[in-house]
Protein backbone atom coordinates (compact mmCIF):
# COMPACT_ATOMS: atom_id res chain seq x y z
CA MET A 1 14.55 1.96 0.69
CA ARG A 2 12.51 1.21 3.82
CA LEU A 3 10.67 -2.05 4.32
CA ALA A 4 7.09 -2.46 5.53
CA PHE A 5 4.84 -5.48 6.02
CA SER A 6 1.18 -5.48 5.08
CA ILE A 7 -0.92 -7.89 7.13
CA SER A 8 -3.66 -9.71 5.25
CA GLY A 9 -7.24 -9.24 6.45
CA HIS A 10 -7.67 -12.98 5.91
CA ARG A 11 -5.54 -13.70 8.98
CA ASP A 12 -7.39 -14.15 12.25
CA SER A 13 -6.95 -11.29 14.70
CA ALA A 14 -4.49 -13.04 16.99
CA GLY A 15 -2.43 -14.15 13.99
CA ALA A 16 -2.38 -10.61 12.64
CA VAL A 17 -1.00 -9.25 15.90
CA ARG A 18 1.62 -12.01 16.06
CA ALA A 19 2.68 -11.15 12.51
CA ALA A 20 3.05 -7.48 13.44
CA VAL A 21 5.21 -8.33 16.45
CA ALA A 22 7.33 -10.63 14.27
CA ALA A 23 7.74 -7.87 11.66
CA GLU A 24 8.98 -5.43 14.30
CA ARG A 25 11.43 -7.99 15.70
CA ALA A 26 12.68 -8.74 12.20
CA GLY A 27 13.50 -5.07 11.63
CA PHE A 28 10.63 -3.90 9.42
CA ASP A 29 9.99 -0.17 9.61
CA ASP A 30 6.20 -0.15 9.19
CA VAL A 31 3.24 -2.47 9.60
CA TRP A 32 0.19 -1.78 7.41
CA LEU A 33 -3.36 -3.00 8.02
CA THR A 34 -5.59 -3.25 4.97
CA GLU A 35 -9.35 -2.90 5.06
CA ASP A 36 -10.73 -4.97 2.23
CA TYR A 37 -14.45 -5.60 2.61
CA PHE A 38 -15.56 -7.80 4.26
CA GLU A 39 -12.46 -8.90 6.11
CA ARG A 40 -11.21 -7.89 9.56
CA GLY A 41 -11.61 -4.21 10.49
CA ALA A 42 -8.43 -2.17 10.14
CA PHE A 43 -8.93 0.17 13.11
CA ALA A 44 -9.53 -2.62 15.62
CA LEU A 45 -6.51 -4.57 14.40
CA ALA A 46 -4.34 -1.46 14.28
CA GLY A 47 -5.20 -0.72 17.92
CA ALA A 48 -4.19 -4.23 18.94
CA VAL A 49 -0.96 -3.95 16.92
CA ALA A 50 -0.16 -0.57 18.48
CA ALA A 51 -0.60 -2.02 21.97
CA ARG A 52 1.79 -4.92 21.27
CA THR A 53 4.55 -3.08 19.39
CA VAL A 54 7.01 -0.36 20.33
CA SER A 55 8.73 1.19 17.33
CA VAL A 56 7.08 0.34 14.00
CA ARG A 57 4.82 2.83 12.31
CA VAL A 58 1.25 1.52 12.21
CA GLY A 59 -0.42 2.34 8.91
CA LEU A 60 -4.03 2.08 7.78
CA GLY A 61 -3.94 1.27 4.13
CA VAL A 62 -6.58 2.37 3.31
CA VAL A 63 -9.96 3.49 4.68
CA ASN A 64 -12.56 5.40 2.68
CA PRO A 65 -14.93 8.39 3.04
CA TRP A 66 -18.10 6.35 2.38
CA THR A 67 -18.43 3.80 5.19
CA ARG A 68 -17.05 6.19 7.82
CA HIS A 69 -17.83 9.88 8.01
CA PRO A 70 -14.55 11.86 7.99
CA ALA A 71 -15.32 13.14 11.50
CA LEU A 72 -15.56 9.54 12.71
CA THR A 73 -12.32 8.69 10.90
CA ALA A 74 -10.60 11.63 12.62
CA MET A 75 -11.92 10.48 16.01
CA GLU A 76 -10.80 6.88 15.50
CA PHE A 77 -7.43 7.82 14.05
CA ALA A 78 -6.64 10.32 16.82
CA THR A 79 -7.37 7.53 19.31
CA LEU A 80 -5.06 5.15 17.44
CA ASP A 81 -2.32 7.77 17.29
CA GLU A 82 -2.68 8.32 21.04
CA LEU A 83 -2.57 4.59 21.73
CA SER A 84 0.53 4.12 19.56
CA GLY A 85 2.39 7.11 20.98
CA GLY A 86 2.34 9.00 17.71
CA ARG A 87 3.28 6.10 15.41
CA ALA A 88 0.13 5.94 13.28
CA VAL A 89 -0.24 6.79 9.59
CA LEU A 90 -3.64 7.41 8.04
CA GLY A 91 -4.15 6.02 4.57
CA LEU A 92 -7.25 7.21 2.71
CA GLY A 93 -8.68 6.01 -0.58
CA ALA A 94 -11.97 6.07 -2.46
CA SER A 95 -12.46 2.27 -2.47
CA ASN A 96 -14.34 1.05 -5.56
CA ALA A 97 -17.80 0.78 -7.05
CA HIS A 98 -17.91 -3.02 -6.63
CA TRP A 99 -17.73 -2.82 -2.84
CA MET A 100 -19.60 0.44 -2.33
CA SER A 101 -22.41 0.30 -4.90
CA ASP A 102 -22.73 -3.37 -5.81
CA ARG A 103 -22.33 -4.83 -2.33
CA MET A 104 -23.48 -2.06 0.02
CA GLY A 105 -25.78 0.09 -2.07
CA ILE A 106 -23.78 3.30 -1.54
CA PRO A 107 -23.79 5.60 -4.60
CA PHE A 108 -20.20 5.83 -5.83
CA ASP A 109 -20.38 9.37 -7.16
CA ARG A 110 -17.31 11.58 -7.70
CA PRO A 111 -14.98 9.44 -5.60
CA LEU A 112 -11.83 11.53 -6.05
CA ALA A 113 -13.49 14.82 -5.12
CA ARG A 114 -15.11 13.24 -2.07
CA THR A 115 -11.83 11.69 -0.95
CA LEU A 116 -9.87 14.93 -1.30
CA GLU A 117 -12.53 16.87 0.59
CA SER A 118 -12.36 14.30 3.38
CA VAL A 119 -8.58 14.83 3.62
CA ASP A 120 -9.15 18.55 4.15
CA LEU A 121 -11.81 17.97 6.80
CA ILE A 122 -9.86 15.29 8.67
CA ARG A 123 -6.73 17.47 8.76
CA GLN A 124 -8.72 20.29 10.35
CA LEU A 125 -10.31 18.02 12.94
CA LEU A 126 -6.98 16.46 13.90
CA THR A 127 -5.67 19.86 15.01
CA GLY A 128 -8.08 19.59 17.94
CA ALA A 129 -9.51 23.05 17.20
CA PRO A 130 -13.22 23.75 16.58
CA VAL A 131 -14.11 23.14 12.94
CA ARG A 132 -16.90 24.72 10.95
CA PHE A 133 -16.75 23.08 7.54
CA GLU A 134 -19.09 23.71 4.62
CA GLY A 135 -17.98 21.47 1.80
CA GLU A 136 -19.61 20.02 -1.25
CA PHE A 137 -20.07 16.63 0.43
CA PHE A 138 -19.66 17.22 4.17
CA GLN A 139 -20.99 19.85 6.55
CA VAL A 140 -19.50 19.82 10.04
CA ASP A 141 -19.61 22.12 13.05
CA THR A 142 -17.77 20.33 15.86
CA LYS A 143 -14.41 19.48 17.43
CA LEU A 144 -12.78 16.47 19.00
CA SER A 145 -13.38 16.32 22.76
CA PHE A 146 -9.71 15.50 23.40
CA THR A 147 -6.42 16.91 22.17
CA PRO A 148 -4.70 14.69 19.59
CA VAL A 149 -1.11 13.77 20.39
CA ARG A 150 -0.08 15.22 17.01
CA PRO A 151 -1.89 18.05 15.24
CA ASP A 152 -0.46 17.08 11.85
CA PRO A 153 0.00 13.29 11.56
CA PRO A 154 0.92 11.92 8.13
CA ILE A 155 -1.92 11.28 5.71
CA VAL A 156 -1.23 9.24 2.60
CA LEU A 157 -3.56 8.53 -0.29
CA GLY A 158 -4.15 5.22 -2.01
CA VAL A 159 -4.75 6.38 -5.59
CA LYS A 160 -4.08 4.98 -9.07
CA GLY A 161 -5.16 7.14 -12.01
CA PRO A 162 -3.45 10.21 -13.52
CA ARG A 163 -5.86 12.82 -12.08
CA ALA A 164 -5.86 11.18 -8.66
CA ILE A 165 -2.06 10.93 -8.63
CA THR A 166 -1.63 14.57 -9.63
CA ARG A 167 -4.26 16.09 -7.34
CA GLY A 168 -3.74 13.67 -4.46
CA GLY A 169 0.02 13.98 -4.63
CA ALA A 170 -0.24 17.74 -4.23
CA MET A 171 -2.44 17.42 -1.13
CA ALA A 172 -1.21 14.38 0.80
CA ASP A 173 2.04 13.70 2.65
CA GLY A 174 2.62 10.67 0.48
CA LEU A 175 1.06 8.12 -1.83
CA LEU A 176 0.44 4.42 -1.28
CA LEU A 177 0.54 2.74 -4.69
CA SER A 178 -1.36 -0.36 -5.65
CA ILE A 179 -0.06 -3.90 -5.87
CA LEU A 180 1.75 -4.54 -9.19
CA ALA A 181 3.12 -0.99 -9.32
CA GLY A 182 6.22 -1.75 -11.39
CA PRO A 183 9.28 0.45 -11.99
CA GLY A 184 7.74 2.12 -15.03
CA TYR A 185 4.64 3.13 -13.12
CA VAL A 186 6.62 4.21 -10.03
CA ARG A 187 8.83 6.39 -12.22
CA TRP A 188 5.76 7.93 -13.89
CA VAL A 189 4.28 8.77 -10.46
CA ARG A 190 7.57 10.16 -9.13
CA ASP A 191 7.90 12.46 -12.12
CA ARG A 192 4.48 13.93 -11.34
CA VAL A 193 4.64 14.33 -7.56
CA GLY A 194 8.26 15.43 -7.21
CA ALA A 195 11.08 14.27 -4.99
CA ALA A 196 9.66 15.39 -1.63
CA LYS A 197 6.62 13.10 -1.46
CA GLU A 198 7.00 9.69 0.17
CA LEU A 199 6.10 6.92 -2.26
CA SER A 200 5.10 3.52 -0.89
CA ALA A 201 3.78 0.57 -2.85
CA TYR A 202 2.45 -2.89 -2.14
CA VAL A 203 4.97 -5.39 -3.50
CA GLY A 204 4.58 -9.12 -4.07
CA ILE A 205 7.81 -10.92 -3.12
CA ALA A 206 8.91 -14.54 -3.45
CA VAL A 207 12.45 -15.88 -3.08
CA ASP A 208 13.68 -19.41 -3.79
CA ASP A 209 16.99 -20.98 -4.76
CA ASP A 210 15.08 -22.02 -7.89
CA PRO A 211 13.91 -18.76 -9.55
CA ALA A 212 11.20 -20.63 -11.49
CA LYS A 213 9.61 -21.83 -8.25
CA ALA A 214 9.61 -18.28 -6.87
CA ARG A 215 7.89 -16.94 -9.98
CA ASP A 216 5.34 -19.76 -10.01
CA ARG A 217 4.43 -18.93 -6.41
CA LEU A 218 3.46 -15.38 -7.41
CA ARG A 219 1.90 -16.11 -10.80
CA PRO A 220 -1.71 -16.67 -9.55
CA MET A 221 -1.65 -13.45 -7.51
CA VAL A 222 -0.26 -11.49 -10.44
CA ALA A 223 -2.92 -12.87 -12.79
CA GLN A 224 -5.65 -11.97 -10.30
CA PHE A 225 -4.58 -8.36 -9.83
CA LEU A 226 -3.82 -7.80 -13.50
CA GLY A 227 -7.47 -8.73 -13.95
CA VAL A 228 -8.52 -6.31 -11.22
CA HIS A 229 -6.58 -3.48 -12.87
CA GLY A 230 -7.59 -4.30 -16.44
CA ASP A 231 -6.44 -1.80 -19.06
CA HIS A 232 -4.85 0.78 -16.78
CA LEU A 233 -1.71 2.88 -16.60
CA ILE A 234 -0.30 0.30 -14.16
CA THR A 235 -0.62 -2.46 -16.75
CA ARG A 236 0.32 -0.32 -19.74
CA THR A 237 3.62 0.79 -18.17
CA ALA A 238 4.36 -2.91 -17.59
CA GLY A 239 3.97 -3.58 -21.31
CA VAL A 240 0.49 -5.15 -21.25
CA SER A 241 -1.53 -4.33 -24.36
CA ALA A 242 -5.19 -3.36 -24.12
CA THR A 243 -6.17 -6.68 -25.71
CA VAL A 244 -4.22 -8.78 -23.23
CA ALA A 245 -5.41 -6.60 -20.35
CA GLU A 246 -8.97 -7.37 -21.41
CA GLU A 247 -8.20 -11.09 -21.33
CA PHE A 248 -6.84 -10.74 -17.79
CA ARG A 249 -9.96 -8.81 -16.85
CA ALA A 250 -12.33 -11.39 -18.33
CA GLY A 251 -10.51 -14.21 -16.55
CA TRP A 252 -10.75 -12.46 -13.20
CA LEU A 253 -14.44 -11.65 -13.63
CA SER A 254 -15.20 -15.26 -14.56
CA GLY A 255 -13.37 -16.60 -11.51
CA ALA A 256 -10.60 -18.15 -13.62
CA PRO A 257 -7.60 -15.75 -13.57
CA ARG A 258 -5.41 -16.09 -16.66
CA VAL A 259 -2.30 -17.48 -15.02
CA ASP A 260 -1.25 -18.79 -18.42
CA LEU A 261 -0.76 -15.24 -19.68
CA VAL A 262 1.71 -14.26 -16.94
CA THR A 263 5.07 -14.65 -18.66
CA ASP A 264 8.33 -14.48 -16.72
CA GLU A 265 9.07 -11.10 -18.33
CA LEU A 266 5.71 -9.67 -17.31
CA LEU A 267 5.95 -11.04 -13.77
CA ASP A 268 9.36 -9.43 -13.34
CA GLU A 269 7.86 -6.08 -14.35
CA VAL A 270 5.18 -6.09 -11.63
CA ALA A 271 6.58 -8.21 -8.79
CA VAL A 272 9.84 -9.23 -7.13
CA ALA A 273 10.69 -12.90 -7.59
CA GLY A 274 13.67 -15.15 -8.11
CA ASP A 275 16.67 -16.27 -6.14
CA ALA A 276 18.09 -13.83 -3.58
CA ALA A 277 20.20 -12.04 -6.19
CA GLY A 278 17.31 -11.79 -8.65
CA ALA A 279 14.94 -10.48 -6.00
CA ALA A 280 17.57 -7.93 -4.96
CA ARG A 281 17.71 -6.71 -8.57
CA GLY A 282 13.91 -6.39 -8.56
CA LEU A 283 13.96 -4.23 -5.44
CA ALA A 284 16.83 -2.17 -6.85
CA ARG A 285 14.77 -1.37 -9.95
CA LEU A 286 11.93 -0.09 -7.76
CA ALA A 287 14.29 1.99 -5.63
CA GLU A 288 15.96 3.46 -8.71
CA ALA A 289 12.51 4.35 -10.09
CA GLY A 290 11.82 6.40 -6.96
CA LEU A 291 10.09 4.07 -4.49
CA ASP A 292 10.77 4.96 -0.83
CA VAL A 293 8.93 2.14 0.96
CA ALA A 294 8.34 -1.41 -0.26
CA VAL A 295 5.19 -2.65 1.51
CA VAL A 296 5.56 -6.42 1.34
CA ARG A 297 2.28 -8.15 0.56
CA ASP A 298 1.31 -10.78 3.11
CA ASP A 299 0.25 -13.99 1.39
CA PRO A 300 -2.26 -15.58 3.80
CA ALA A 301 -1.41 -19.03 2.42
CA VAL A 302 2.20 -18.65 3.61
CA GLU A 303 3.51 -18.22 7.14
CA PRO A 304 4.28 -14.49 7.58
CA GLU A 305 7.80 -15.20 8.86
CA GLU A 306 8.57 -16.97 5.58
CA THR A 307 7.50 -13.95 3.54
CA MET A 308 9.43 -11.63 5.87
CA ALA A 309 12.58 -13.73 5.51
CA ALA A 310 12.27 -13.64 1.72
CA ALA A 311 11.90 -9.87 1.74
CA LEU A 312 14.83 -9.40 4.11
CA SER A 313 17.08 -11.60 1.98
CA ALA A 314 16.19 -9.48 -1.05
CA VAL A 315 16.85 -6.25 0.83
CA GLN A 316 20.17 -7.53 2.12
CA GLY A 317 21.16 -8.49 -1.40
CA TYR A 318 20.12 -5.04 -2.63
CA ALA A 319 22.17 -3.40 0.16
CA ARG A 320 25.23 -5.49 -0.67
CA SER A 321 24.92 -4.52 -4.33
CA ALA A 322 24.66 -0.83 -3.39
CA LEU A 323 27.75 -1.10 -1.17
CA ARG A 324 29.69 -2.80 -3.98
CA LEU A 325 28.68 0.00 -6.36
CA ILE A 326 29.84 2.66 -3.89
CA TRP A 327 33.13 0.81 -3.36
CA HIS A 328 33.65 0.49 -7.12
CA CYS A 329 33.00 4.21 -7.66
CA GLN A 330 35.41 5.18 -4.88
CA THR A 331 38.24 2.88 -6.00
CA SER A 332 37.93 3.87 -9.65
CA ARG A 333 38.45 7.58 -8.99
């Protein structure tokens, strides 16, 4: 399993770049920049990160087809890929009605179809060839005025539901799964997209010599995002009933997330927490379910190096367990 670090949009720009540099030095494989409205802009931060790093992949996770026309996204991404020397990854997603319709007045109609059409259009534009595109949502007759460094950079989709997973998984190079994607959900996705697609997921991680303290650190975040998801496949595969999911939802909407409903068993299904050995077991469950990349969620209330150290200790524990298993299998033959 590879390890990535997702930098919170709540960090100031200079702090975000410092975190990316620290992640590269610590041995992380990828750095992801989120674009949650109305935080820092992902493209600007990704450009700064690309200029200050050497080897990490720089991912955008994710941008949408509403606030940027796909032709503009292709232009900006090709520039980022050029700046990074071919290290960029484009993450696309539909966003949500709350941000688009409620806060910006953009009609949120047929989000999946619009997102998939934007993938098709962006892929064509990134070849650098002239594009005449007559789609259901976009009509384009143009080309980029420069040659992209790669004609086929990786495009991943941030999707959640069954139709989006199935259709998006067939079209994209990989999928970027939501926070709280537990082993059951990861396994469900893997079964539908096959072995060849790269699966990444945002993962909340906390490690402490006292497992209870580690879980308590993540409990508010878990309650918040269980409320965001509500009654969804992500929560159902974690064992959350529709009734309890509705309670999480109501708590989130009222501004009082139901932290009291996050049991230890539930938290262990949707996050990685505990002492180093317990966190290693949590990562192992995700890897065994089919996850390729654990994208560690950056908690803006915690120094990024602390979160990175926790994730690395869990990964090292997972690696040691894997080596012990291999040794046991070899010596028992």
